[in-house]
Every structure is written in C-alpha cells, then in structure tokens.
PDB file of all heavy atoms in Angstrom:
ATOM      1  N   SER A   1       0.830  -1.221   0.011  1.00  0.00           N
ATOM      2  CA  SER A   1      -0.004   0.012  -0.005  1.00  0.00           C
ATOM      3  C   SER A   1       0.873   1.256  -0.008  1.00  0.00           C
ATOM      4  O   SER A   1       0.546   2.239  -0.677  1.00  0.00           O
ATOM      5  CB  SER A   1      -0.987  -0.012   1.165  1.00  0.00           C
ATOM      6  OG  SER A   1      -0.241   0.057   2.409  1.00  0.00           O
ATOM      7  N   PHE A   2       1.980   1.272   0.729  1.00  0.00           N
ATOM      8  CA  PHE A   2       2.869   2.398   0.697  1.00  0.00           C
ATOM      9  C   PHE A   2       3.510   2.590  -0.675  1.00  0.00           C
ATOM     10  O   PHE A   2       3.662   3.689  -1.171  1.00  0.00           O
ATOM     11  CB  PHE A   2       3.999   2.247   1.765  1.00  0.00           C
ATOM     12  CG  PHE A   2       3.570   2.648   3.160  1.00  0.00           C
ATOM     13  CD1 PHE A   2       3.965   1.961   4.229  1.00  0.00           C
ATOM     14  CD2 PHE A   2       2.781   3.775   3.375  1.00  0.00           C
ATOM     15  CE1 PHE A   2       3.600   2.306   5.507  1.00  0.00           C
ATOM     16  CE2 PHE A   2       2.391   4.184   4.616  1.00  0.00           C
ATOM     17  CZ  PHE A   2       2.801   3.425   5.701  1.00  0.00           C
ATOM     18  N   GLY A   3       3.894   1.443  -1.311  1.00  0.00           N
ATOM     19  CA  GLY A   3       4.472   1.509  -2.636  1.00  0.00           C
ATOM     20  C   GLY A   3       3.471   2.064  -3.645  1.00  0.00           C
ATOM     21  O   GLY A   3       3.815   2.902  -4.467  1.00  0.00           O
ATOM     22  N   LEU A   4       2.223   1.651  -3.577  1.00  0.00           N
ATOM     23  CA  LEU A   4       1.187   2.141  -4.481  1.00  0.00           C
ATOM     24  C   LEU A   4       0.966   3.647  -4.238  1.00  0.00           C
ATOM     25  O   LEU A   4       0.852   4.412  -5.190  1.00  0.00           O
ATOM     26  CB  LEU A   4      -0.105   1.339  -4.248  1.00  0.00           C
ATOM     27  CG  LEU A   4      -1.234   1.664  -5.171  1.00  0.00           C
ATOM     28  CD1 LEU A   4      -0.827   1.401  -6.611  1.00  0.00           C
ATOM     29  CD2 LEU A   4      -2.459   0.830  -4.809  1.00  0.00           C
ATOM     30  N   MET A   5       0.896   4.055  -2.942  1.00  0.00           N
ATOM     31  CA  MET A   5       0.735   5.539  -2.674  1.00  0.00           C
ATOM     32  C   MET A   5       1.906   6.313  -3.221  1.00  0.00           C
ATOM     33  O   MET A   5       1.760   7.409  -3.687  1.00  0.00           O
ATOM     34  CB  MET A   5       0.512   5.699  -1.219  1.00  0.00           C
ATOM     35  CG  MET A   5      -0.846   5.256  -0.720  1.00  0.00           C
ATOM     36  SD  MET A   5      -1.373   5.639   0.974  1.00  0.00           S
ATOM     37  CE  MET A   5       0.113   5.738   1.886  1.00  0.00           C
ATOM     38  N   ALA A   6       3.103   5.728  -3.082  1.00  0.00           N
ATOM     39  CA  ALA A   6       4.283   6.457  -3.561  1.00  0.00           C
ATOM     40  C   ALA A   6       4.270   6.622  -5.079  1.00  0.00           C
ATOM     41  O   ALA A   6       4.588   7.657  -5.653  1.00  0.00           O
ATOM     42  CB  ALA A   6       5.568   5.689  -3.177  1.00  0.00           C
ATOM     43  N   LEU A   7       3.797   5.554  -5.795  1.00  0.00           N
ATOM     44  CA  LEU A   7       3.686   5.679  -7.274  1.00  0.00           C
ATOM     45  C   LEU A   7       2.689   6.727  -7.680  1.00  0.00           C
ATOM     46  O   LEU A   7       2.901   7.511  -8.575  1.00  0.00           O
ATOM     47  CB  LEU A   7       3.323   4.330  -7.862  1.00  0.00           C
ATOM     48  CG  LEU A   7       4.414   3.285  -7.960  1.00  0.00           C
ATOM     49  CD1 LEU A   7       3.857   1.955  -8.479  1.00  0.00           C
ATOM     50  CD2 LEU A   7       5.512   3.778  -8.910  1.00  0.00           C
ATOM     51  N   ILE A   8       1.525   6.762  -6.995  1.00  0.00           N
ATOM     52  CA  ILE A   8       0.501   7.780  -7.302  1.00  0.00           C
ATOM     53  C   ILE A   8       1.075   9.153  -6.990  1.00  0.00           C
ATOM     54  O   ILE A   8       0.841  10.110  -7.762  1.00  0.00           O
ATOM     55  CB  ILE A   8      -0.741   7.448  -6.503  1.00  0.00           C
ATOM     56  CG1 ILE A   8      -1.414   6.165  -7.063  1.00  0.00           C
ATOM     57  CG2 ILE A   8      -1.737   8.600  -6.556  1.00  0.00           C
ATOM     58  CD1 ILE A   8      -2.575   5.682  -6.203  1.00  0.00           C
ATOM     59  N   GLY A   9       1.771   9.312  -5.880  1.00  0.00           N
ATOM     60  CA  GLY A   9       2.376  10.626  -5.484  1.00  0.00           C
ATOM     61  C   GLY A   9       3.368  11.092  -6.518  1.00  0.00           C
ATOM     62  O   GLY A   9       3.391  12.247  -6.881  1.00  0.00           O
ATOM     63  N   VAL A  10       4.276  10.224  -6.974  1.00  0.00           N
ATOM     64  CA  VAL A  10       5.258  10.583  -7.978  1.00  0.00           C
ATOM     65  C   VAL A  10       4.600  10.981  -9.281  1.00  0.00           C
ATOM     66  O   VAL A  10       4.930  12.008  -9.869  1.00  0.00           O
ATOM     67  CB  VAL A  10       6.263   9.430  -8.204  1.00  0.00           C
ATOM     68  CG1 VAL A  10       7.102   9.680  -9.449  1.00  0.00           C
ATOM     69  CG2 VAL A  10       7.140   9.241  -7.012  1.00  0.00           C
ATOM     70  N   GLY A  11       3.579  10.303  -9.708  1.00  0.00           N
ATOM     71  CA  GLY A  11       2.803  10.684 -10.878  1.00  0.00           C
ATOM     72  C   GLY A  11       2.147  12.005 -10.762  1.00  0.00           C
ATOM     73  O   GLY A  11       2.165  12.805 -11.690  1.00  0.00           O
ATOM     74  N   LEU A  12       1.589  12.268  -9.606  1.00  0.00           N
ATOM     75  CA  LEU A  12       0.925  13.541  -9.344  1.00  0.00           C
ATOM     76  C   LEU A  12       1.924  14.694  -9.365  1.00  0.00           C
ATOM     77  O   LEU A  12       1.695  15.746  -9.952  1.00  0.00           O
ATOM     78  CB  LEU A  12       0.157  13.495  -8.045  1.00  0.00           C
ATOM     79  CG  LEU A  12      -0.625  14.716  -7.631  1.00  0.00           C
ATOM     80  CD1 LEU A  12      -1.790  14.947  -8.677  1.00  0.00           C
ATOM     81  CD2 LEU A  12      -1.211  14.602  -6.262  1.00  0.00           C
ATOM     82  N   LEU A  13       3.053  14.492  -8.739  1.00  0.00           N
ATOM     83  CA  LEU A  13       4.101  15.539  -8.714  1.00  0.00           C
ATOM     84  C   LEU A  13       4.654  15.787 -10.144  1.00  0.00           C
ATOM     85  O   LEU A  13       4.925  16.943 -10.501  1.00  0.00           O
ATOM     86  CB  LEU A  13       5.243  15.174  -7.785  1.00  0.00           C
ATOM     87  CG  LEU A  13       4.907  15.259  -6.319  1.00  0.00           C
ATOM     88  CD1 LEU A  13       6.138  14.760  -5.483  1.00  0.00           C
ATOM     89  CD2 LEU A  13       4.612  16.645  -5.923  1.00  0.00           C
ATOM     90  N   GLN A  14       4.808  14.792 -10.918  1.00  0.00           N
ATOM     91  CA  GLN A  14       5.245  14.960 -12.301  1.00  0.00           C
ATOM     92  C   GLN A  14       4.215  15.731 -13.151  1.00  0.00           C
ATOM     93  O   GLN A  14       4.582  16.583 -13.941  1.00  0.00           O
ATOM     94  CB  GLN A  14       5.581  13.650 -12.970  1.00  0.00           C
ATOM     95  CG  GLN A  14       6.887  13.032 -12.513  1.00  0.00           C
ATOM     96  CD  GLN A  14       7.126  11.683 -13.186  1.00  0.00           C
ATOM     97  OE1 GLN A  14       6.256  11.062 -13.725  1.00  0.00           O
ATOM     98  NE2 GLN A  14       8.402  11.247 -13.097  1.00  0.00           N
ATOM     99  N   ALA A  15       2.977  15.451 -12.904  1.00  0.00           N
ATOM    100  CA  ALA A  15       1.913  16.219 -13.602  1.00  0.00           C
ATOM    101  C   ALA A  15       1.910  17.678 -13.256  1.00  0.00           C
ATOM    102  O   ALA A  15       1.770  18.552 -14.094  1.00  0.00           O
ATOM    103  CB  ALA A  15       0.570  15.566 -13.343  1.00  0.00           C
ATOM    104  N   ILE A  16       2.102  17.951 -11.975  1.00  0.00           N
ATOM    105  CA  ILE A  16       2.141  19.383 -11.540  1.00  0.00           C
ATOM    106  C   ILE A  16       3.349  20.058 -12.082  1.00  0.00           C
ATOM    107  O   ILE A  16       3.277  21.169 -12.531  1.00  0.00           O
ATOM    108  CB  ILE A  16       2.106  19.394  -9.972  1.00  0.00           C
ATOM    109  CG1 ILE A  16       0.775  18.928  -9.429  1.00  0.00           C
ATOM    110  CG2 ILE A  16       2.485  20.783  -9.453  1.00  0.00           C
ATOM    111  CD1 ILE A  16       0.684  18.759  -7.938  1.00  0.00           C
ATOM    112  N   ASP A  17       4.451  19.360 -12.120  1.00  0.00           N
ATOM    113  CA  ASP A  17       5.715  19.977 -12.708  1.00  0.00           C
ATOM    114  C   ASP A  17       5.580  20.267 -14.165  1.00  0.00           C
ATOM    115  O   ASP A  17       5.928  21.318 -14.638  1.00  0.00           O
ATOM    116  CB  ASP A  17       6.902  19.037 -12.448  1.00  0.00           C
ATOM    117  CG  ASP A  17       8.218  19.595 -12.963  1.00  0.00           C
ATOM    118  OD1 ASP A  17       8.556  20.722 -12.620  1.00  0.00           O
ATOM    119  OD2 ASP A  17       8.845  18.914 -13.843  1.00  0.00           O
ATOM    120  N   THR A  18       4.988  19.302 -14.899  1.00  0.00           N
ATOM    121  CA  THR A  18       4.776  19.493 -16.314  1.00  0.00           C
ATOM    122  C   THR A  18       3.817  20.699 -16.578  1.00  0.00           C
ATOM    123  O   THR A  18       4.050  21.513 -17.490  1.00  0.00           O
ATOM    124  CB  THR A  18       4.244  18.221 -16.950  1.00  0.00           C
ATOM    125  OG1 THR A  18       5.164  17.146 -16.733  1.00  0.00           O
ATOM    126  CG2 THR A  18       3.974  18.364 -18.417  1.00  0.00           C
ATOM    127  N   ASN A  19       2.794  20.767 -15.799  1.00  0.00           N
ATOM    128  CA  ASN A  19       1.850  21.927 -15.937  1.00  0.00           C
ATOM    129  C   ASN A  19       2.535  23.246 -15.648  1.00  0.00           C
ATOM    130  O   ASN A  19       2.306  24.207 -16.366  1.00  0.00           O
ATOM    131  CB  ASN A  19       0.691  21.672 -14.988  1.00  0.00           C
ATOM    132  CG  ASN A  19      -0.408  22.696 -15.207  1.00  0.00           C
ATOM    133  OD1 ASN A  19      -0.489  23.341 -16.241  1.00  0.00           O
ATOM    134  ND2 ASN A  19      -1.265  22.845 -14.194  1.00  0.00           N
ATOM    135  N   ALA A  20       3.372  23.290 -14.621  1.00  0.00           N
ATOM    136  CA  ALA A  20       4.063  24.529 -14.339  1.00  0.00           C
ATOM    137  C   ALA A  20       5.024  24.948 -15.432  1.00  0.00           C
ATOM    138  O   ALA A  20       5.113  26.100 -15.809  1.00  0.00           O
ATOM    139  CB  ALA A  20       4.783  24.372 -13.006  1.00  0.00           C
ATOM    140  N   ARG A  21       5.714  23.978 -15.965  1.00  0.00           N
ATOM    141  CA  ARG A  21       6.653  24.272 -17.064  1.00  0.00           C
ATOM    142  C   ARG A  21       5.917  24.739 -18.293  1.00  0.00           C
ATOM    143  O   ARG A  21       6.341  25.704 -18.970  1.00  0.00           O
ATOM    144  CB  ARG A  21       7.523  23.024 -17.413  1.00  0.00           C
ATOM    145  CG  ARG A  21       8.549  22.707 -16.380  1.00  0.00           C
ATOM    146  CD  ARG A  21       9.312  21.428 -16.748  1.00  0.00           C
ATOM    147  NE  ARG A  21      10.080  20.935 -15.656  1.00  0.00           N
ATOM    148  CZ  ARG A  21      11.377  20.898 -15.678  1.00  0.00           C
ATOM    149  NH1 ARG A  21      12.018  21.346 -16.739  1.00  0.00           N
ATOM    150  NH2 ARG A  21      12.038  20.434 -14.659  1.00  0.00           N
ATOM    151  N   ALA A  22       4.822  24.065 -18.636  1.00  0.00           N
ATOM    152  CA  ALA A  22       4.006  24.477 -19.842  1.00  0.00           C
ATOM    153  C   ALA A  22       3.483  25.906 -19.660  1.00  0.00           C
ATOM    154  O   ALA A  22       3.453  26.678 -20.601  1.00  0.00           O
ATOM    155  CB  ALA A  22       2.910  23.456 -20.062  1.00  0.00           C
ATOM    156  N   SER A  23       2.983  26.210 -18.435  1.00  0.00           N
ATOM    157  CA  SER A  23       2.496  27.561 -18.184  1.00  0.00           C
ATOM    158  C   SER A  23       3.605  28.581 -18.355  1.00  0.00           C
ATOM    159  O   SER A  23       3.330  29.663 -18.861  1.00  0.00           O
ATOM    160  CB  SER A  23       1.926  27.556 -16.738  1.00  0.00           C
ATOM    161  OG  SER A  23       1.463  28.864 -16.450  1.00  0.00           O
ATOM    162  N   GLY A  24       4.769  28.297 -17.920  1.00  0.00           N
ATOM    163  CA  GLY A  24       5.925  29.213 -18.043  1.00  0.00           C
ATOM    164  C   GLY A  24       6.282  29.449 -19.510  1.00  0.00           C
ATOM    165  O   GLY A  24       6.502  30.571 -19.929  1.00  0.00           O
ATOM    166  N   ILE A  25       6.225  28.438 -20.320  1.00  0.00           N
ATOM    167  CA  ILE A  25       6.542  28.523 -21.743  1.00  0.00           C
ATOM    168  C   ILE A  25       5.462  29.375 -22.421  1.00  0.00           C
ATOM    169  O   ILE A  25       5.759  30.232 -23.296  1.00  0.00           O
ATOM    170  CB  ILE A  25       6.681  27.161 -22.374  1.00  0.00           C
ATOM    171  CG1 ILE A  25       7.977  26.475 -21.861  1.00  0.00           C
ATOM    172  CG2 ILE A  25       6.728  27.206 -23.902  1.00  0.00           C
ATOM    173  CD1 ILE A  25       8.129  25.050 -22.244  1.00  0.00           C
ATOM    174  N   VAL A  26       4.210  29.110 -22.060  1.00  0.00           N
ATOM    175  CA  VAL A  26       3.111  29.904 -22.702  1.00  0.00           C
ATOM    176  C   VAL A  26       3.275  31.360 -22.325  1.00  0.00           C
ATOM    177  O   VAL A  26       3.117  32.255 -23.166  1.00  0.00           O
ATOM    178  CB  VAL A  26       1.729  29.326 -22.265  1.00  0.00           C
ATOM    179  CG1 VAL A  26       0.625  30.301 -22.602  1.00  0.00           C
ATOM    180  CG2 VAL A  26       1.468  28.001 -22.920  1.00  0.00           C
ATOM    181  N   ASP A  27       3.537  31.663 -21.084  1.00  0.00           N
ATOM    182  CA  ASP A  27       3.773  33.124 -20.644  1.00  0.00           C
ATOM    183  C   ASP A  27       4.935  33.687 -21.429  1.00  0.00           C
ATOM    184  O   ASP A  27       4.816  34.879 -21.823  1.00  0.00           O
ATOM    185  CB  ASP A  27       4.032  33.138 -19.162  1.00  0.00           C
ATOM    186  CG  ASP A  27       2.818  32.892 -18.286  1.00  0.00           C
ATOM    187  OD1 ASP A  27       1.715  32.907 -18.854  1.00  0.00           O
ATOM    188  OD2 ASP A  27       3.023  32.638 -17.129  1.00  0.00           O
ATOM    189  N   GLN A  28       5.985  32.973 -21.624  1.00  0.00           N
ATOM    190  CA  GLN A  28       7.140  33.450 -22.335  1.00  0.00           C
ATOM    191  C   GLN A  28       6.760  33.793 -23.819  1.00  0.00           C
ATOM    192  O   GLN A  28       7.163  34.857 -24.321  1.00  0.00           O
ATOM    193  CB  GLN A  28       8.249  32.408 -22.311  1.00  0.00           C
ATOM    194  CG  GLN A  28       9.511  32.709 -22.997  1.00  0.00           C
ATOM    195  CD  GLN A  28      10.449  31.548 -22.978  1.00  0.00           C
ATOM    196  OE1 GLN A  28      10.139  30.458 -23.251  1.00  0.00           O
ATOM    197  NE2 GLN A  28      11.765  31.805 -22.678  1.00  0.00           N
ATOM    198  N   HIS A  29       6.027  32.940 -24.466  1.00  0.00           N
ATOM    199  CA  HIS A  29       5.637  33.160 -25.858  1.00  0.00           C
ATOM    200  C   HIS A  29       4.645  34.299 -25.954  1.00  0.00           C
ATOM    201  O   HIS A  29       4.726  35.085 -26.885  1.00  0.00           O
ATOM    202  CB  HIS A  29       5.071  31.872 -26.450  1.00  0.00           C
ATOM    203  CG  HIS A  29       6.117  30.922 -26.878  1.00  0.00           C
ATOM    204  ND1 HIS A  29       6.777  30.981 -28.090  1.00  0.00           N
ATOM    205  CD2 HIS A  29       6.682  29.893 -26.218  1.00  0.00           C
ATOM    206  CE1 HIS A  29       7.649  30.033 -28.159  1.00  0.00           C
ATOM    207  NE2 HIS A  29       7.618  29.330 -26.996  1.00  0.00           N
TER     208      HIS A  29
END
C-alpha cells in the first residue's frame, strides 16, 4: 500500500511539474 501510494504521489508531482513548465513557456511566448 505504501508503494502504491508512492507511485501515485510521484505521478501527481510529475503532472504538476509539467503543468508549471508548460504555463511558463506559454507566458514566455
């Protein structure tokens, strides 16, 4: 259960990071 929660947490953090980077690129353009 801890391993499954860790995988979900890593996926969520990657999604948030990707969204923040995309938002920065859009602002730049």
